[in-house]
Amino acid sequence: MTKDEFLEKCVLFSIKINKLRKYLREKQHEYNNSDQIQRSGTSIGANYSEACDAESKADFVHKLGIALKETNETIYWLKVLYGSEFITKDVYEELRTDADEIYKILIASIKTAKG
């Protein structure tokens, strides 16, 4: 997967997360968790985008590490939302699959960059 393709995957994931937040606020009247997942879920791509313009290899790895942490946090909030019955199993599984794919790509990128 190219840099641009991965960035597009992150953008599409952010859009899904934004739509989830809108649904949670408007239909479920859930505000705290929806804000949390929106912050973590949309920052994955932002941090990856910053990594692409890193000043050094160490900076690149650091920014990817932040994106990885945000992915982990997003997975946590997905589990909370699903366990609290704010989202359906289908929504959970779709977003979890996307997050898991992003996680794996980030791990592979970090390993490659570290050599």
N, C-alpha and C. Protein backbone atom coordinates (compact mmCIF):
# COMPACT_ATOMS: atom_id res chain seq x y z
N MET A 1 0.85 -1.17 0.00
CA MET A 1 0.00 0.00 0.00
C MET A 1 0.90 1.24 0.00
N THR A 2 0.58 2.18 -0.87
CA THR A 2 1.38 3.40 -0.95
C THR A 2 1.02 4.35 0.19
N LYS A 3 1.86 5.35 0.36
CA LYS A 3 1.63 6.39 1.37
C LYS A 3 0.28 7.06 1.14
N ASP A 4 -0.01 7.41 -0.11
CA ASP A 4 -1.26 8.09 -0.43
C ASP A 4 -2.47 7.19 -0.20
N GLU A 5 -2.34 5.92 -0.52
CA GLU A 5 -3.45 4.98 -0.29
C GLU A 5 -3.72 4.82 1.20
N PHE A 6 -2.67 4.74 2.00
CA PHE A 6 -2.87 4.61 3.44
C PHE A 6 -3.47 5.89 4.02
N LEU A 7 -3.00 7.03 3.55
CA LEU A 7 -3.57 8.29 4.02
C LEU A 7 -5.06 8.36 3.67
N GLU A 8 -5.42 7.92 2.47
CA GLU A 8 -6.83 7.90 2.08
C GLU A 8 -7.64 6.96 2.97
N LYS A 9 -7.06 5.81 3.34
CA LYS A 9 -7.72 4.88 4.27
C LYS A 9 -7.97 5.57 5.61
N CYS A 10 -7.00 6.34 6.06
CA CYS A 10 -7.16 7.07 7.32
C CYS A 10 -8.23 8.15 7.21
N VAL A 11 -8.27 8.84 6.08
CA VAL A 11 -9.29 9.88 5.87
C VAL A 11 -10.69 9.24 5.88
N LEU A 12 -10.84 8.13 5.17
CA LEU A 12 -12.15 7.46 5.14
C LEU A 12 -12.54 6.96 6.53
N PHE A 13 -11.58 6.48 7.30
CA PHE A 13 -11.85 6.05 8.67
C PHE A 13 -12.30 7.25 9.51
N SER A 14 -11.64 8.38 9.35
CA SER A 14 -12.03 9.59 10.08
C SER A 14 -13.45 10.01 9.74
N ILE A 15 -13.81 9.90 8.48
CA ILE A 15 -15.17 10.25 8.06
C ILE A 15 -16.18 9.32 8.73
N LYS A 16 -15.88 8.03 8.77
CA LYS A 16 -16.77 7.08 9.45
C LYS A 16 -16.90 7.41 10.93
N ILE A 17 -15.80 7.79 11.55
CA ILE A 17 -15.81 8.14 12.96
C ILE A 17 -16.64 9.41 13.19
N ASN A 18 -16.49 10.39 12.30
CA ASN A 18 -17.29 11.61 12.42
C ASN A 18 -18.78 11.30 12.28
N LYS A 19 -19.12 10.42 11.36
CA LYS A 19 -20.53 10.04 11.19
C LYS A 19 -21.03 9.28 12.41
N LEU A 20 -20.16 8.44 12.99
CA LEU A 20 -20.53 7.73 14.21
C LEU A 20 -20.81 8.73 15.33
N ARG A 21 -19.94 9.71 15.48
CA ARG A 21 -20.14 10.73 16.52
C ARG A 21 -21.48 11.44 16.33
N LYS A 22 -21.78 11.81 15.09
CA LYS A 22 -23.05 12.48 14.81
C LYS A 22 -24.23 11.59 15.20
N TYR A 23 -24.16 10.32 14.82
CA TYR A 23 -25.22 9.37 15.18
C TYR A 23 -25.35 9.26 16.71
N LEU A 24 -24.22 9.09 17.39
CA LEU A 24 -24.26 8.92 18.84
C LEU A 24 -24.87 10.13 19.53
N ARG A 25 -24.55 11.32 19.06
CA ARG A 25 -25.07 12.53 19.69
C ARG A 25 -26.55 12.75 19.36
N GLU A 26 -26.91 12.56 18.09
CA GLU A 26 -28.27 12.87 17.67
C GLU A 26 -29.28 11.77 18.01
N LYS A 27 -28.88 10.52 17.87
CA LYS A 27 -29.83 9.41 18.06
C LYS A 27 -29.72 8.75 19.43
N GLN A 28 -28.52 8.67 19.96
CA GLN A 28 -28.32 7.99 21.25
C GLN A 28 -28.18 8.98 22.42
N HIS A 29 -28.04 10.25 22.10
CA HIS A 29 -27.83 11.29 23.12
C HIS A 29 -26.65 10.95 24.02
N GLU A 30 -25.60 10.46 23.39
CA GLU A 30 -24.37 10.08 24.08
C GLU A 30 -23.31 11.09 23.67
N TYR A 31 -22.72 11.77 24.64
CA TYR A 31 -21.82 12.87 24.33
C TYR A 31 -20.37 12.61 24.73
N ASN A 32 -20.12 12.11 25.90
CA ASN A 32 -18.75 11.96 26.38
C ASN A 32 -17.95 10.97 25.54
N ASN A 33 -18.44 9.75 25.43
CA ASN A 33 -17.72 8.73 24.66
C ASN A 33 -17.63 9.10 23.19
N SER A 34 -18.67 9.75 22.67
CA SER A 34 -18.64 10.14 21.26
C SER A 34 -17.55 11.18 21.01
N ASP A 35 -17.35 12.08 21.95
CA ASP A 35 -16.27 13.06 21.81
C ASP A 35 -14.91 12.38 21.89
N GLN A 36 -14.79 11.42 22.80
CA GLN A 36 -13.52 10.71 22.97
C GLN A 36 -13.12 9.95 21.71
N ILE A 37 -14.07 9.20 21.15
CA ILE A 37 -13.73 8.40 19.96
C ILE A 37 -13.49 9.30 18.75
N GLN A 38 -14.17 10.42 18.71
CA GLN A 38 -13.96 11.34 17.61
C GLN A 38 -12.55 11.92 17.66
N ARG A 39 -12.08 12.27 18.85
CA ARG A 39 -10.73 12.82 18.98
C ARG A 39 -9.67 11.79 18.60
N SER A 40 -9.79 10.59 19.16
CA SER A 40 -8.75 9.58 18.89
C SER A 40 -8.84 9.07 17.45
N GLY A 41 -10.06 8.81 16.99
CA GLY A 41 -10.23 8.22 15.66
C GLY A 41 -9.82 9.12 14.51
N THR A 42 -9.99 10.42 14.68
CA THR A 42 -9.61 11.33 13.60
C THR A 42 -8.15 11.76 13.70
N SER A 43 -7.54 11.57 14.86
CA SER A 43 -6.14 11.98 14.99
C SER A 43 -5.17 10.95 14.41
N ILE A 44 -5.64 9.75 14.13
CA ILE A 44 -4.77 8.73 13.53
C ILE A 44 -4.21 9.24 12.21
N GLY A 45 -5.09 9.65 11.33
CA GLY A 45 -4.66 10.15 10.02
C GLY A 45 -3.88 11.44 10.12
N ALA A 46 -4.26 12.31 11.06
CA ALA A 46 -3.54 13.57 11.23
C ALA A 46 -2.09 13.31 11.64
N ASN A 47 -1.90 12.37 12.55
CA ASN A 47 -0.53 12.03 12.97
C ASN A 47 0.24 11.33 11.86
N TYR A 48 -0.42 10.49 11.09
CA TYR A 48 0.25 9.86 9.96
C TYR A 48 0.66 10.92 8.93
N SER A 49 -0.23 11.87 8.69
CA SER A 49 0.09 12.94 7.75
C SER A 49 1.31 13.74 8.22
N GLU A 50 1.38 14.00 9.53
CA GLU A 50 2.55 14.68 10.08
C GLU A 50 3.80 13.83 9.91
N ALA A 51 3.67 12.53 10.10
CA ALA A 51 4.82 11.63 9.95
C ALA A 51 5.38 11.68 8.54
N CYS A 52 4.51 11.85 7.57
CA CYS A 52 4.95 11.89 6.18
C CYS A 52 5.86 13.08 5.89
N ASP A 53 5.78 14.11 6.71
CA ASP A 53 6.64 15.28 6.57
C ASP A 53 7.63 15.39 7.73
N ALA A 54 7.97 14.27 8.30
CA ALA A 54 8.87 14.25 9.46
C ALA A 54 10.23 14.84 9.11
N GLU A 55 10.87 15.40 10.13
CA GLU A 55 12.18 16.02 9.96
C GLU A 55 13.31 15.01 9.98
N SER A 56 13.05 13.83 10.52
CA SER A 56 14.08 12.80 10.62
C SER A 56 13.41 11.44 10.73
N LYS A 57 14.21 10.39 10.63
CA LYS A 57 13.68 9.04 10.79
C LYS A 57 13.10 8.86 12.19
N ALA A 58 13.79 9.40 13.20
CA ALA A 58 13.31 9.30 14.58
C ALA A 58 11.96 10.02 14.74
N ASP A 59 11.83 11.19 14.12
CA ASP A 59 10.58 11.94 14.17
C ASP A 59 9.47 11.15 13.47
N PHE A 60 9.81 10.54 12.34
CA PHE A 60 8.85 9.71 11.59
C PHE A 60 8.33 8.57 12.46
N VAL A 61 9.24 7.85 13.09
CA VAL A 61 8.85 6.72 13.94
C VAL A 61 8.03 7.21 15.13
N HIS A 62 8.42 8.34 15.70
CA HIS A 62 7.69 8.90 16.83
C HIS A 62 6.24 9.23 16.45
N LYS A 63 6.06 9.89 15.32
CA LYS A 63 4.71 10.27 14.88
C LYS A 63 3.86 9.03 14.55
N LEU A 64 4.50 8.02 13.94
CA LEU A 64 3.77 6.77 13.70
C LEU A 64 3.37 6.13 15.02
N GLY A 65 4.23 6.23 16.01
CA GLY A 65 3.92 5.69 17.33
C GLY A 65 2.72 6.38 17.95
N ILE A 66 2.62 7.68 17.76
CA ILE A 66 1.45 8.41 18.27
C ILE A 66 0.19 7.94 17.54
N ALA A 67 0.28 7.79 16.22
CA ALA A 67 -0.87 7.29 15.45
C ALA A 67 -1.28 5.90 15.93
N LEU A 68 -0.30 5.07 16.25
CA LEU A 68 -0.57 3.73 16.76
C LEU A 68 -1.30 3.80 18.11
N LYS A 69 -0.86 4.68 18.99
CA LYS A 69 -1.52 4.84 20.29
C LYS A 69 -2.96 5.33 20.11
N GLU A 70 -3.17 6.23 19.18
CA GLU A 70 -4.53 6.73 18.92
C GLU A 70 -5.41 5.63 18.35
N THR A 71 -4.82 4.75 17.55
CA THR A 71 -5.57 3.60 17.04
C THR A 71 -5.99 2.69 18.19
N ASN A 72 -5.07 2.43 19.11
CA ASN A 72 -5.40 1.61 20.28
C ASN A 72 -6.52 2.25 21.10
N GLU A 73 -6.44 3.56 21.29
CA GLU A 73 -7.48 4.25 22.05
C GLU A 73 -8.83 4.16 21.34
N THR A 74 -8.81 4.29 20.04
CA THR A 74 -10.06 4.20 19.26
C THR A 74 -10.68 2.81 19.42
N ILE A 75 -9.85 1.79 19.37
CA ILE A 75 -10.36 0.42 19.58
C ILE A 75 -10.97 0.28 20.97
N TYR A 76 -10.34 0.88 21.96
CA TYR A 76 -10.89 0.87 23.32
C TYR A 76 -12.28 1.49 23.34
N TRP A 77 -12.45 2.68 22.75
CA TRP A 77 -13.74 3.34 22.76
C TRP A 77 -14.79 2.56 21.96
N LEU A 78 -14.37 1.90 20.90
CA LEU A 78 -15.32 1.05 20.16
C LEU A 78 -15.84 -0.06 21.06
N LYS A 79 -14.94 -0.68 21.83
CA LYS A 79 -15.36 -1.73 22.76
C LYS A 79 -16.33 -1.19 23.81
N VAL A 80 -16.04 -0.01 24.33
CA VAL A 80 -16.92 0.60 25.33
C VAL A 80 -18.29 0.89 24.74
N LEU A 81 -18.31 1.49 23.56
CA LEU A 81 -19.58 1.83 22.92
C LEU A 81 -20.41 0.59 22.60
N TYR A 82 -19.75 -0.45 22.12
CA TYR A 82 -20.45 -1.70 21.82
C TYR A 82 -20.93 -2.36 23.11
N GLY A 83 -20.07 -2.45 24.09
CA GLY A 83 -20.44 -3.07 25.36
C GLY A 83 -21.56 -2.33 26.07
N SER A 84 -21.65 -1.03 25.84
CA SER A 84 -22.70 -0.20 26.45
C SER A 84 -23.96 -0.16 25.59
N GLU A 85 -23.93 -0.87 24.49
CA GLU A 85 -25.07 -0.99 23.56
C GLU A 85 -25.44 0.33 22.89
N PHE A 86 -24.44 1.18 22.68
CA PHE A 86 -24.67 2.40 21.92
C PHE A 86 -24.52 2.16 20.42
N ILE A 87 -23.77 1.11 20.04
CA ILE A 87 -23.62 0.76 18.63
C ILE A 87 -23.93 -0.72 18.44
N THR A 88 -24.36 -1.04 17.24
CA THR A 88 -24.71 -2.43 16.92
C THR A 88 -23.45 -3.25 16.68
N LYS A 89 -23.63 -4.54 16.66
CA LYS A 89 -22.52 -5.45 16.36
C LYS A 89 -21.95 -5.17 14.98
N ASP A 90 -22.83 -4.92 14.00
CA ASP A 90 -22.37 -4.65 12.63
C ASP A 90 -21.49 -3.40 12.57
N VAL A 91 -21.91 -2.34 13.24
CA VAL A 91 -21.13 -1.10 13.26
C VAL A 91 -19.80 -1.34 13.95
N TYR A 92 -19.86 -2.01 15.09
CA TYR A 92 -18.64 -2.33 15.83
C TYR A 92 -17.66 -3.13 14.96
N GLU A 93 -18.15 -4.18 14.33
CA GLU A 93 -17.27 -5.05 13.54
C GLU A 93 -16.67 -4.32 12.34
N GLU A 94 -17.46 -3.48 11.68
CA GLU A 94 -16.95 -2.73 10.53
C GLU A 94 -15.82 -1.78 10.96
N LEU A 95 -16.07 -1.01 12.01
CA LEU A 95 -15.07 -0.05 12.46
C LEU A 95 -13.87 -0.75 13.10
N ARG A 96 -14.12 -1.84 13.79
CA ARG A 96 -13.03 -2.60 14.40
C ARG A 96 -12.12 -3.21 13.32
N THR A 97 -12.72 -3.71 12.25
CA THR A 97 -11.93 -4.26 11.14
C THR A 97 -11.05 -3.17 10.53
N ASP A 98 -11.63 -2.00 10.31
CA ASP A 98 -10.86 -0.88 9.76
C ASP A 98 -9.71 -0.50 10.70
N ALA A 99 -10.02 -0.40 11.98
CA ALA A 99 -9.00 -0.01 12.96
C ALA A 99 -7.90 -1.07 13.05
N ASP A 100 -8.28 -2.34 13.00
CA ASP A 100 -7.28 -3.41 13.05
C ASP A 100 -6.35 -3.36 11.83
N GLU A 101 -6.91 -3.06 10.66
CA GLU A 101 -6.09 -2.95 9.44
C GLU A 101 -5.11 -1.78 9.57
N ILE A 102 -5.60 -0.66 10.05
CA ILE A 102 -4.74 0.51 10.24
C ILE A 102 -3.64 0.18 11.24
N TYR A 103 -3.99 -0.47 12.32
CA TYR A 103 -3.04 -0.86 13.35
C TYR A 103 -1.91 -1.71 12.76
N LYS A 104 -2.29 -2.72 11.99
CA LYS A 104 -1.30 -3.62 11.39
C LYS A 104 -0.37 -2.89 10.43
N ILE A 105 -0.91 -1.98 9.66
CA ILE A 105 -0.09 -1.21 8.73
C ILE A 105 0.88 -0.31 9.48
N LEU A 106 0.40 0.32 10.54
CA LEU A 106 1.28 1.17 11.34
C LEU A 106 2.40 0.37 11.98
N ILE A 107 2.07 -0.78 12.54
CA ILE A 107 3.10 -1.65 13.14
C ILE A 107 4.16 -2.03 12.10
N ALA A 108 3.70 -2.43 10.91
CA ALA A 108 4.64 -2.82 9.85
C ALA A 108 5.50 -1.62 9.42
N SER A 109 4.90 -0.45 9.35
CA SER A 109 5.65 0.74 8.96
C SER A 109 6.70 1.10 10.00
N ILE A 110 6.34 0.99 11.26
CA ILE A 110 7.30 1.27 12.34
C ILE A 110 8.46 0.28 12.30
N LYS A 111 8.15 -0.98 12.11
CA LYS A 111 9.20 -2.02 12.04
C LYS A 111 10.13 -1.76 10.85
N THR A 112 9.56 -1.42 9.73
CA THR A 112 10.35 -1.14 8.53
C THR A 112 11.24 0.08 8.75
N ALA A 113 10.66 1.13 9.32
CA ALA A 113 11.43 2.37 9.53
C ALA A 113 12.57 2.16 10.53
N LYS A 114 12.35 1.32 11.50
CA LYS A 114 13.40 1.05 12.49
C LYS A 114 14.49 0.15 11.92
N GLY A 115 14.14 -0.56 10.84
CA GLY A 115 15.11 -1.39 10.15
C GLY A 115 15.44 -2.63 10.90
